[in-house]
């Protein structure tokens, strides 16, 4: 989301639901990894189990970036208040 378009409660709630589902998926992939033959090699030199771990970490990093952006946007900046008069009363 850009700074000029504030997040609506509906879009934030949808982003939080999507984040929750993605986090549960990452947890499942971490606890129950996809079995692969250790002899499998990707791109000619990356062992399967290393590639799986690297892809999992890349996905986790992407989720952290998503979590700190659309899922929980910054609170809007407060409206500026006029300064108080020197006597401490309301401005004239």
PDB file of N, CA and C in Angstrom:
ATOM      1  N   UNK A   1       0.836  -1.167   0.000  1.00  0.00           N
ATOM      2  CA  UNK A   1       0.000   0.000   0.000  1.00  0.00           C
ATOM      3  C   UNK A   1       0.883   1.232   0.000  1.00  0.00           C
ATOM      4  N   UNK A   2       0.466   2.215  -0.739  1.00  0.00           N
ATOM      5  CA  UNK A   2       1.235   3.446  -0.765  1.00  0.00           C
ATOM      6  C   UNK A   2       0.754   4.367   0.352  1.00  0.00           C
ATOM      7  N   UNK A   3       1.529   5.384   0.610  1.00  0.00           N
ATOM      8  CA  UNK A   3       1.201   6.307   1.688  1.00  0.00           C
ATOM      9  C   UNK A   3      -0.042   7.127   1.357  1.00  0.00           C
ATOM     10  N   UNK A   4      -0.359   7.288   0.077  1.00  0.00           N
ATOM     11  CA  UNK A   4      -1.488   8.132  -0.297  1.00  0.00           C
ATOM     12  C   UNK A   4      -2.825   7.396  -0.215  1.00  0.00           C
ATOM     13  N   UNK A   5      -2.825   6.076  -0.191  1.00  0.00           N
ATOM     14  CA  UNK A   5      -4.078   5.337  -0.117  1.00  0.00           C
ATOM     15  C   UNK A   5      -4.138   4.610   1.223  1.00  0.00           C
ATOM     16  N   UNK A   6      -4.979   5.091   2.144  1.00  0.00           N
ATOM     17  CA  UNK A   6      -5.075   4.432   3.440  1.00  0.00           C
ATOM     18  C   UNK A   6      -5.758   3.075   3.308  1.00  0.00           C
ATOM     19  N   UNK A   7      -5.388   2.167   4.180  1.00  0.00           N
ATOM     20  CA  UNK A   7      -5.972   0.833   4.159  1.00  0.00           C
ATOM     21  C   UNK A   7      -7.383   0.893   4.737  1.00  0.00           C
ATOM     22  N   UNK A   8      -8.300   0.214   4.093  1.00  0.00           N
ATOM     23  CA  UNK A   8      -9.651   0.134   4.624  1.00  0.00           C
ATOM     24  C   UNK A   8      -9.723  -1.037   5.592  1.00  0.00           C
ATOM     25  N   UNK A   9     -10.649  -0.996   6.541  1.00  0.00           N
ATOM     26  CA  UNK A   9     -10.755  -2.122   7.479  1.00  0.00           C
ATOM     27  C   UNK A   9     -10.985  -3.454   6.768  1.00  0.00           C
ATOM     28  N   UNK A  10     -11.722  -3.428   5.658  1.00  0.00           N
ATOM     29  CA  UNK A  10     -11.993  -4.669   4.932  1.00  0.00           C
ATOM     30  C   UNK A  10     -10.716  -5.233   4.310  1.00  0.00           C
ATOM     31  N   UNK A  11      -9.905  -4.374   3.677  1.00  0.00           N
ATOM     32  CA  UNK A  11      -8.684  -4.868   3.046  1.00  0.00           C
ATOM     33  C   UNK A  11      -7.675  -5.317   4.089  1.00  0.00           C
ATOM     34  N   UNK A  12      -7.626  -4.632   5.242  1.00  0.00           N
ATOM     35  CA  UNK A  12      -6.721  -5.042   6.308  1.00  0.00           C
ATOM     36  C   UNK A  12      -7.144  -6.380   6.884  1.00  0.00           C
ATOM     37  N   UNK A  13      -8.426  -6.584   7.091  1.00  0.00           N
ATOM     38  CA  UNK A  13      -8.916  -7.862   7.621  1.00  0.00           C
ATOM     39  C   UNK A  13      -8.634  -8.991   6.638  1.00  0.00           C
ATOM     40  N   UNK A  14      -8.817  -8.735   5.353  1.00  0.00           N
ATOM     41  CA  UNK A  14      -8.528  -9.767   4.352  1.00  0.00           C
ATOM     42  C   UNK A  14      -7.034 -10.091   4.331  1.00  0.00           C
ATOM     43  N   UNK A  15      -6.190  -9.064   4.459  1.00  0.00           N
ATOM     44  CA  UNK A  15      -4.743  -9.291   4.489  1.00  0.00           C
ATOM     45  C   UNK A  15      -4.349 -10.088   5.725  1.00  0.00           C
ATOM     46  N   UNK A  16      -4.985  -9.810   6.857  1.00  0.00           N
ATOM     47  CA  UNK A  16      -4.673 -10.553   8.077  1.00  0.00           C
ATOM     48  C   UNK A  16      -5.120 -12.006   7.970  1.00  0.00           C
ATOM     49  N   UNK A  17      -6.268 -12.256   7.348  1.00  0.00           N
ATOM     50  CA  UNK A  17      -6.703 -13.648   7.131  1.00  0.00           C
ATOM     51  C   UNK A  17      -5.746 -14.375   6.201  1.00  0.00           C
ATOM     52  N   UNK A  18      -5.340 -13.707   5.125  1.00  0.00           N
ATOM     53  CA  UNK A  18      -4.383 -14.317   4.201  1.00  0.00           C
ATOM     54  C   UNK A  18      -3.056 -14.601   4.877  1.00  0.00           C
ATOM     55  N   UNK A  19      -2.609 -13.679   5.713  1.00  0.00           N
ATOM     56  CA  UNK A  19      -1.367 -13.883   6.451  1.00  0.00           C
ATOM     57  C   UNK A  19      -1.489 -15.070   7.390  1.00  0.00           C
ATOM     58  N   UNK A  20      -2.612 -15.194   8.081  1.00  0.00           N
ATOM     59  CA  UNK A  20      -2.808 -16.318   8.995  1.00  0.00           C
ATOM     60  C   UNK A  20      -2.762 -17.649   8.252  1.00  0.00           C
ATOM     61  N   UNK A  21      -3.397 -17.711   7.101  1.00  0.00           N
ATOM     62  CA  UNK A  21      -3.391 -18.949   6.311  1.00  0.00           C
ATOM     63  C   UNK A  21      -1.984 -19.262   5.821  1.00  0.00           C
ATOM     64  N   UNK A  22      -1.270 -18.229   5.357  1.00  0.00           N
ATOM     65  CA  UNK A  22       0.098 -18.438   4.875  1.00  0.00           C
ATOM     66  C   UNK A  22       1.022 -18.881   6.003  1.00  0.00           C
ATOM     67  N   UNK A  23       0.865 -18.302   7.190  1.00  0.00           N
ATOM     68  CA  UNK A  23       1.691 -18.704   8.327  1.00  0.00           C
ATOM     69  C   UNK A  23       1.412 -20.151   8.730  1.00  0.00           C
ATOM     70  N   UNK A  24       0.152 -20.554   8.705  1.00  0.00           N
ATOM     71  CA  UNK A  24      -0.170 -21.953   9.006  1.00  0.00           C
ATOM     72  C   UNK A  24       0.441 -22.889   7.960  1.00  0.00           C
ATOM     73  N   UNK A  25       0.428 -22.468   6.705  1.00  0.00           N
ATOM     74  CA  UNK A  25       1.052 -23.265   5.649  1.00  0.00           C
ATOM     75  C   UNK A  25       2.553 -23.386   5.842  1.00  0.00           C
ATOM     76  N   UNK A  26       3.200 -22.275   6.199  1.00  0.00           N
ATOM     77  CA  UNK A  26       4.642 -22.321   6.446  1.00  0.00           C
ATOM     78  C   UNK A  26       4.966 -23.203   7.649  1.00  0.00           C
ATOM     79  N   UNK A  27       4.122 -23.127   8.680  1.00  0.00           N
ATOM     80  CA  UNK A  27       4.323 -23.977   9.854  1.00  0.00           C
ATOM     81  C   UNK A  27       4.197 -25.445   9.467  1.00  0.00           C
ATOM     82  N   UNK A  28       3.201 -25.777   8.658  1.00  0.00           N
ATOM     83  CA  UNK A  28       3.026 -27.163   8.220  1.00  0.00           C
ATOM     84  C   UNK A  28       4.220 -27.625   7.388  1.00  0.00           C
ATOM     85  N   UNK A  29       4.721 -26.777   6.501  1.00  0.00           N
ATOM     86  CA  UNK A  29       5.883 -27.153   5.696  1.00  0.00           C
ATOM     87  C   UNK A  29       7.145 -27.287   6.542  1.00  0.00           C
ATOM     88  N   UNK A  30       7.200 -26.565   7.648  1.00  0.00           N
ATOM     89  CA  UNK A  30       8.360 -26.669   8.527  1.00  0.00           C
ATOM     90  C   UNK A  30       8.315 -27.956   9.361  1.00  0.00           C
ATOM     91  N   UNK A  31       7.131 -28.272   9.860  1.00  0.00           N
ATOM     92  CA  UNK A  31       6.994 -29.456  10.713  1.00  0.00           C
ATOM     93  C   UNK A  31       6.984 -30.737   9.886  1.00  0.00           C
ATOM     94  N   UNK A  32       6.293 -30.722   8.750  1.00  0.00           N
ATOM     95  CA  UNK A  32       6.208 -31.895   7.881  1.00  0.00           C
ATOM     96  C   UNK A  32       6.824 -31.561   6.530  1.00  0.00           C
ATOM     97  N   UNK A  33       8.150 -31.611   6.412  1.00  0.00           N
ATOM     98  CA  UNK A  33       8.778 -31.235   5.140  1.00  0.00           C
ATOM     99  C   UNK A  33       8.451 -32.234   4.030  1.00  0.00           C
ATOM    100  N   UNK A  34       8.545 -31.762   2.819  1.00  0.00           N
ATOM    101  CA  UNK A  34       8.306 -32.605   1.654  1.00  0.00           C
ATOM    102  C   UNK A  34       9.508 -33.529   1.499  1.00  0.00           C
ATOM    103  N   UNK A  35       9.232 -34.804   1.462  1.00  0.00           N
ATOM    104  CA  UNK A  35      10.318 -35.783   1.350  1.00  0.00           C
ATOM    105  C   UNK A  35      10.930 -35.728  -0.047  1.00  0.00           C
ATOM    106  N   UNK A  36      12.207 -35.884  -0.081  1.00  0.00           N
ATOM    107  CA  UNK A  36      12.912 -35.911  -1.352  1.00  0.00           C
ATOM    108  C   UNK A  36      14.153 -36.775  -1.221  1.00  0.00           C
ATOM    109  N   UNK A  37      14.593 -37.300  -2.313  1.00  0.00           N
ATOM    110  CA  UNK A  37      15.801 -38.112  -2.331  1.00  0.00           C
ATOM    111  C   UNK A  37      17.011 -37.204  -2.147  1.00  0.00           C
ATOM    112  N   UNK A  38      17.894 -37.483  -1.159  1.00  0.00           N
ATOM    113  CA  UNK A  38      19.073 -36.637  -0.971  1.00  0.00           C
ATOM    114  C   UNK A  38      19.971 -36.584  -2.208  1.00  0.00           C
ATOM    115  N   UNK A  39      19.815 -37.544  -3.099  1.00  0.00           N
ATOM    116  CA  UNK A  39      20.636 -37.546  -4.312  1.00  0.00           C
ATOM    117  C   UNK A  39      20.105 -36.568  -5.361  1.00  0.00           C
ATOM    118  N   UNK A  40      18.871 -36.069  -5.200  1.00  0.00           N
ATOM    119  CA  UNK A  40      18.334 -35.121  -6.164  1.00  0.00           C
ATOM    120  C   UNK A  40      19.145 -33.831  -6.102  1.00  0.00           C
ATOM    121  N   UNK A  41      19.402 -33.276  -7.266  1.00  0.00           N
ATOM    122  CA  UNK A  41      20.193 -32.052  -7.359  1.00  0.00           C
ATOM    123  C   UNK A  41      19.446 -31.068  -8.270  1.00  0.00           C
ATOM    124  N   UNK A  42      19.347 -29.830  -7.822  1.00  0.00           N
ATOM    125  CA  UNK A  42      18.712 -28.785  -8.620  1.00  0.00           C
ATOM    126  C   UNK A  42      19.783 -27.905  -9.225  1.00  0.00           C
ATOM    127  N   UNK A  43      19.588 -27.478 -10.443  1.00  0.00           N
ATOM    128  CA  UNK A  43      20.512 -26.623 -11.185  1.00  0.00           C
ATOM    129  C   UNK A  43      21.919 -27.223 -11.264  1.00  0.00           C
ATOM    130  N   UNK A  44      22.001 -28.512 -11.118  1.00  0.00           N
ATOM    131  CA  UNK A  44      23.273 -29.198 -11.282  1.00  0.00           C
ATOM    132  C   UNK A  44      24.182 -29.219 -10.069  1.00  0.00           C
ATOM    133  N   UNK A  45      23.859 -28.459  -9.009  1.00  0.00           N
ATOM    134  CA  UNK A  45      24.778 -28.449  -7.870  1.00  0.00           C
ATOM    135  C   UNK A  45      24.110 -28.232  -6.508  1.00  0.00           C
ATOM    136  N   UNK A  46      22.818 -27.864  -6.450  1.00  0.00           N
ATOM    137  CA  UNK A  46      22.148 -27.605  -5.175  1.00  0.00           C
ATOM    138  C   UNK A  46      21.404 -28.863  -4.729  1.00  0.00           C
ATOM    139  N   UNK A  47      21.798 -29.458  -3.595  1.00  0.00           N
ATOM    140  CA  UNK A  47      21.073 -30.633  -3.095  1.00  0.00           C
ATOM    141  C   UNK A  47      19.617 -30.267  -2.766  1.00  0.00           C
ATOM    142  N   UNK A  48      18.723 -31.238  -2.931  1.00  0.00           N
ATOM    143  CA  UNK A  48      17.297 -31.022  -2.735  1.00  0.00           C
ATOM    144  C   UNK A  48      16.986 -30.473  -1.343  1.00  0.00           C
ATOM    145  N   UNK A  49      17.576 -31.058  -0.295  1.00  0.00           N
ATOM    146  CA  UNK A  49      17.240 -30.621   1.051  1.00  0.00           C
ATOM    147  C   UNK A  49      17.721 -29.188   1.317  1.00  0.00           C
ATOM    148  N   UNK A  50      18.831 -28.785   0.735  1.00  0.00           N
ATOM    149  CA  UNK A  50      19.292 -27.407   0.870  1.00  0.00           C
ATOM    150  C   UNK A  50      18.373 -26.459   0.098  1.00  0.00           C
ATOM    151  N   UNK A  51      17.989 -26.835  -1.103  1.00  0.00           N
ATOM    152  CA  UNK A  51      17.087 -25.995  -1.904  1.00  0.00           C
ATOM    153  C   UNK A  51      15.744 -25.822  -1.194  1.00  0.00           C
ATOM    154  N   UNK A  52      15.232 -26.888  -0.578  1.00  0.00           N
ATOM    155  CA  UNK A  52      13.966 -26.819   0.156  1.00  0.00           C
ATOM    156  C   UNK A  52      14.091 -25.829   1.310  1.00  0.00           C
ATOM    157  N   UNK A  53      15.177 -25.915   2.069  1.00  0.00           N
ATOM    158  CA  UNK A  53      15.374 -25.015   3.207  1.00  0.00           C
ATOM    159  C   UNK A  53      15.521 -23.564   2.737  1.00  0.00           C
ATOM    160  N   UNK A  54      16.253 -23.345   1.654  1.00  0.00           N
ATOM    161  CA  UNK A  54      16.423 -21.988   1.141  1.00  0.00           C
ATOM    162  C   UNK A  54      15.095 -21.403   0.650  1.00  0.00           C
ATOM    163  N   UNK A  55      14.305 -22.209  -0.051  1.00  0.00           N
ATOM    164  CA  UNK A  55      13.003 -21.730  -0.522  1.00  0.00           C
ATOM    165  C   UNK A  55      12.066 -21.451   0.652  1.00  0.00           C
ATOM    166  N   UNK A  56      12.135 -22.272   1.704  1.00  0.00           N
ATOM    167  CA  UNK A  56      11.300 -22.054   2.885  1.00  0.00           C
ATOM    168  C   UNK A  56      11.688 -20.727   3.552  1.00  0.00           C
ATOM    169  N   UNK A  57      12.987 -20.469   3.678  1.00  0.00           N
ATOM    170  CA  UNK A  57      13.433 -19.213   4.297  1.00  0.00           C
ATOM    171  C   UNK A  57      13.047 -18.005   3.441  1.00  0.00           C
ATOM    172  N   UNK A  58      13.122 -18.140   2.128  1.00  0.00           N
ATOM    173  CA  UNK A  58      12.709 -17.059   1.240  1.00  0.00           C
ATOM    174  C   UNK A  58      11.215 -16.770   1.416  1.00  0.00           C
ATOM    175  N   UNK A  59      10.415 -17.829   1.528  1.00  0.00           N
ATOM    176  CA  UNK A  59       8.982 -17.652   1.778  1.00  0.00           C
ATOM    177  C   UNK A  59       8.716 -17.004   3.123  1.00  0.00           C
ATOM    178  N   UNK A  60       9.463 -17.396   4.145  1.00  0.00           N
ATOM    179  CA  UNK A  60       9.297 -16.794   5.469  1.00  0.00           C
ATOM    180  C   UNK A  60       9.663 -15.312   5.438  1.00  0.00           C
ATOM    181  N   UNK A  61      10.719 -14.960   4.731  1.00  0.00           N
ATOM    182  CA  UNK A  61      11.117 -13.550   4.624  1.00  0.00           C
ATOM    183  C   UNK A  61      10.038 -12.749   3.896  1.00  0.00           C
ATOM    184  N   UNK A  62       9.449 -13.324   2.854  1.00  0.00           N
ATOM    185  CA  UNK A  62       8.375 -12.643   2.125  1.00  0.00           C
ATOM    186  C   UNK A  62       7.159 -12.430   3.033  1.00  0.00           C
ATOM    187  N   UNK A  63       6.867 -13.406   3.886  1.00  0.00           N
ATOM    188  CA  UNK A  63       5.745 -13.254   4.814  1.00  0.00           C
ATOM    189  C   UNK A  63       6.012 -12.154   5.835  1.00  0.00           C
ATOM    190  N   UNK A  64       7.239 -12.029   6.299  1.00  0.00           N
ATOM    191  CA  UNK A  64       7.571 -10.959   7.245  1.00  0.00           C
ATOM    192  C   UNK A  64       7.385  -9.597   6.577  1.00  0.00           C
ATOM    193  N   UNK A  65       7.818  -9.467   5.330  1.00  0.00           N
ATOM    194  CA  UNK A  65       7.624  -8.212   4.614  1.00  0.00           C
ATOM    195  C   UNK A  65       6.134  -7.904   4.426  1.00  0.00           C
ATOM    196  N   UNK A  66       5.356  -8.928   4.120  1.00  0.00           N
ATOM    197  CA  UNK A  66       3.911  -8.744   3.963  1.00  0.00           C
ATOM    198  C   UNK A  66       3.280  -8.378   5.306  1.00  0.00           C
ATOM    199  N   UNK A  67       3.745  -9.027   6.372  1.00  0.00           N
ATOM    200  CA  UNK A  67       3.178  -8.785   7.698  1.00  0.00           C
ATOM    201  C   UNK A  67       3.421  -7.346   8.143  1.00  0.00           C
ATOM    202  N   UNK A  68       4.565  -6.783   7.797  1.00  0.00           N
ATOM    203  CA  UNK A  68       4.871  -5.425   8.230  1.00  0.00           C
ATOM    204  C   UNK A  68       4.313  -4.370   7.289  1.00  0.00           C
ATOM    205  N   UNK A  69       3.646  -4.787   6.227  1.00  0.00           N
ATOM    206  CA  UNK A  69       3.068  -3.840   5.279  1.00  0.00           C
ATOM    207  C   UNK A  69       1.559  -3.893   5.272  1.00  0.00           C
ATOM    208  N   UNK A  70       0.969  -4.580   4.303  1.00  0.00           N
ATOM    209  CA  UNK A  70      -0.488  -4.565   4.147  1.00  0.00           C
ATOM    210  C   UNK A  70      -1.261  -5.176   5.313  1.00  0.00           C
ATOM    211  N   UNK A  71      -0.708  -6.177   5.975  1.00  0.00           N
ATOM    212  CA  UNK A  71      -1.478  -6.847   7.026  1.00  0.00           C
ATOM    213  C   UNK A  71      -1.653  -5.964   8.257  1.00  0.00           C
ATOM    214  N   UNK A  72      -0.647  -5.192   8.614  1.00  0.00           N
ATOM    215  CA  UNK A  72      -0.730  -4.274   9.750  1.00  0.00           C
ATOM    216  C   UNK A  72      -0.167  -2.922   9.335  1.00  0.00           C
ATOM    217  N   UNK A  73      -0.972  -2.101   8.653  1.00  0.00           N
ATOM    218  CA  UNK A  73      -0.471  -0.799   8.205  1.00  0.00           C
ATOM    219  C   UNK A  73      -0.255   0.133   9.396  1.00  0.00           C
ATOM    220  N   UNK A  74       0.537   1.170   9.156  1.00  0.00           N
ATOM    221  CA  UNK A  74       0.770   2.174  10.191  1.00  0.00           C
ATOM    222  C   UNK A  74      -0.533   2.890  10.517  1.00  0.00           C
ATOM    223  N   UNK A  75      -0.613   3.357  11.743  1.00  0.00           N
ATOM    224  CA  UNK A  75      -1.773   4.149  12.116  1.00  0.00           C
ATOM    225  C   UNK A  75      -1.696   5.493  11.399  1.00  0.00           C
ATOM    226  N   UNK A  76      -2.848   6.092  11.087  1.00  0.00           N
ATOM    227  CA  UNK A  76      -2.803   7.387  10.403  1.00  0.00           C
ATOM    228  C   UNK A  76      -2.177   8.441  11.319  1.00  0.00           C
ATOM    229  N   UNK A  77      -1.545   9.409  10.707  1.00  0.00           N
ATOM    230  CA  UNK A  77      -0.930  10.477  11.491  1.00  0.00           C
ATOM    231  C   UNK A  77      -2.029  11.350  12.088  1.00  0.00           C
ATOM    232  N   UNK A  78      -1.851  11.802  13.322  1.00  0.00           N
ATOM    233  CA  UNK A  78      -2.899  12.633  13.930  1.00  0.00           C
ATOM    234  C   UNK A  78      -2.971  13.999  13.263  1.00  0.00           C
ATOM    235  N   UNK A  79      -4.138  14.603  13.344  1.00  0.00           N
ATOM    236  CA  UNK A  79      -4.335  15.933  12.785  1.00  0.00           C
ATOM    237  C   UNK A  79      -3.512  16.930  13.590  1.00  0.00           C
ATOM    238  N   UNK A  80      -2.854  17.881  12.925  1.00  0.00           N
ATOM    239  CA  UNK A  80      -2.084  18.880  13.675  1.00  0.00           C
ATOM    240  C   UNK A  80      -3.011  19.778  14.483  1.00  0.00           C
ATOM    241  N   UNK A  81      -2.624  20.080  15.692  1.00  0.00           N
ATOM    242  CA  UNK A  81      -3.401  20.945  16.574  1.00  0.00           C
ATOM    243  C   UNK A  81      -2.767  22.332  16.587  1.00  0.00           C
ATOM    244  N   UNK A  82      -3.577  23.387  16.650  1.00  0.00           N
ATOM    245  CA  UNK A  82      -2.998  24.728  16.717  1.00  0.00           C
ATOM    246  C   UNK A  82      -2.302  24.901  18.060  1.00  0.00           C
ATOM    247  N   UNK A  83      -1.253  25.702  18.104  1.00  0.00           N
ATOM    248  CA  UNK A  83      -0.543  25.898  19.369  1.00  0.00           C
ATOM    249  C   UNK A  83      -1.435  26.678  20.363  1.00  0.00           C
ATOM    250  N   UNK A  84      -1.217  26.423  21.641  1.00  0.00           N
ATOM    251  CA  UNK A  84      -1.955  27.135  22.675  1.00  0.00           C
ATOM    252  C   UNK A  84      -1.423  28.555  22.798  1.00  0.00           C
ATOM    253  N   UNK A  85      -2.279  29.441  23.237  1.00  0.00           N
ATOM    254  CA  UNK A  85      -1.854  30.823  23.446  1.00  0.00           C
ATOM    255  C   UNK A  85      -0.895  30.880  24.630  1.00  0.00           C
ATOM    256  N   UNK A  86      -0.117  31.928  24.772  1.00  0.00           N
ATOM    257  CA  UNK A  86       0.840  32.019  25.882  1.00  0.00           C
ATOM    258  C   UNK A  86       0.187  31.921  27.250  1.00  0.00           C
ATOM    259  N   UNK A  87      -1.065  32.319  27.388  1.00  0.00           N
ATOM    260  CA  UNK A  87      -1.739  32.231  28.673  1.00  0.00           C
ATOM    261  C   UNK A  87      -2.223  30.828  28.981  1.00  0.00           C
ATOM    262  N   UNK A  88      -2.093  29.927  28.043  1.00  0.00           N
ATOM    263  CA  UNK A  88      -2.516  28.550  28.263  1.00  0.00           C
ATOM    264  C   UNK A  88      -3.969  28.306  27.919  1.00  0.00           C
ATOM    265  N   UNK A  89      -4.670  29.285  27.429  1.00  0.00           N
ATOM    266  CA  UNK A  89      -6.070  29.130  27.074  1.00  0.00           C
ATOM    267  C   UNK A  89      -6.217  28.743  25.617  1.00  0.00           C
ATOM    268  N   UNK A  90      -7.416  28.854  25.122  1.00  0.00           N
ATOM    269  CA  UNK A  90      -7.703  28.545  23.734  1.00  0.00           C
ATOM    270  C   UNK A  90      -7.110  29.614  22.823  1.00  0.00           C
ATOM    271  N   UNK A  91      -6.692  29.233  21.616  1.00  0.00           N
ATOM    272  CA  UNK A  91      -6.173  30.251  20.679  1.00  0.00           C
ATOM    273  C   UNK A  91      -7.295  31.177  20.245  1.00  0.00           C
ATOM    274  N   UNK A  92      -6.948  32.403  19.954  1.00  0.00           N
ATOM    275  CA  UNK A  92      -7.978  33.388  19.552  1.00  0.00           C
ATOM    276  C   UNK A  92      -8.191  33.411  18.069  1.00  0.00           C
TER     277      UNK A  92
END
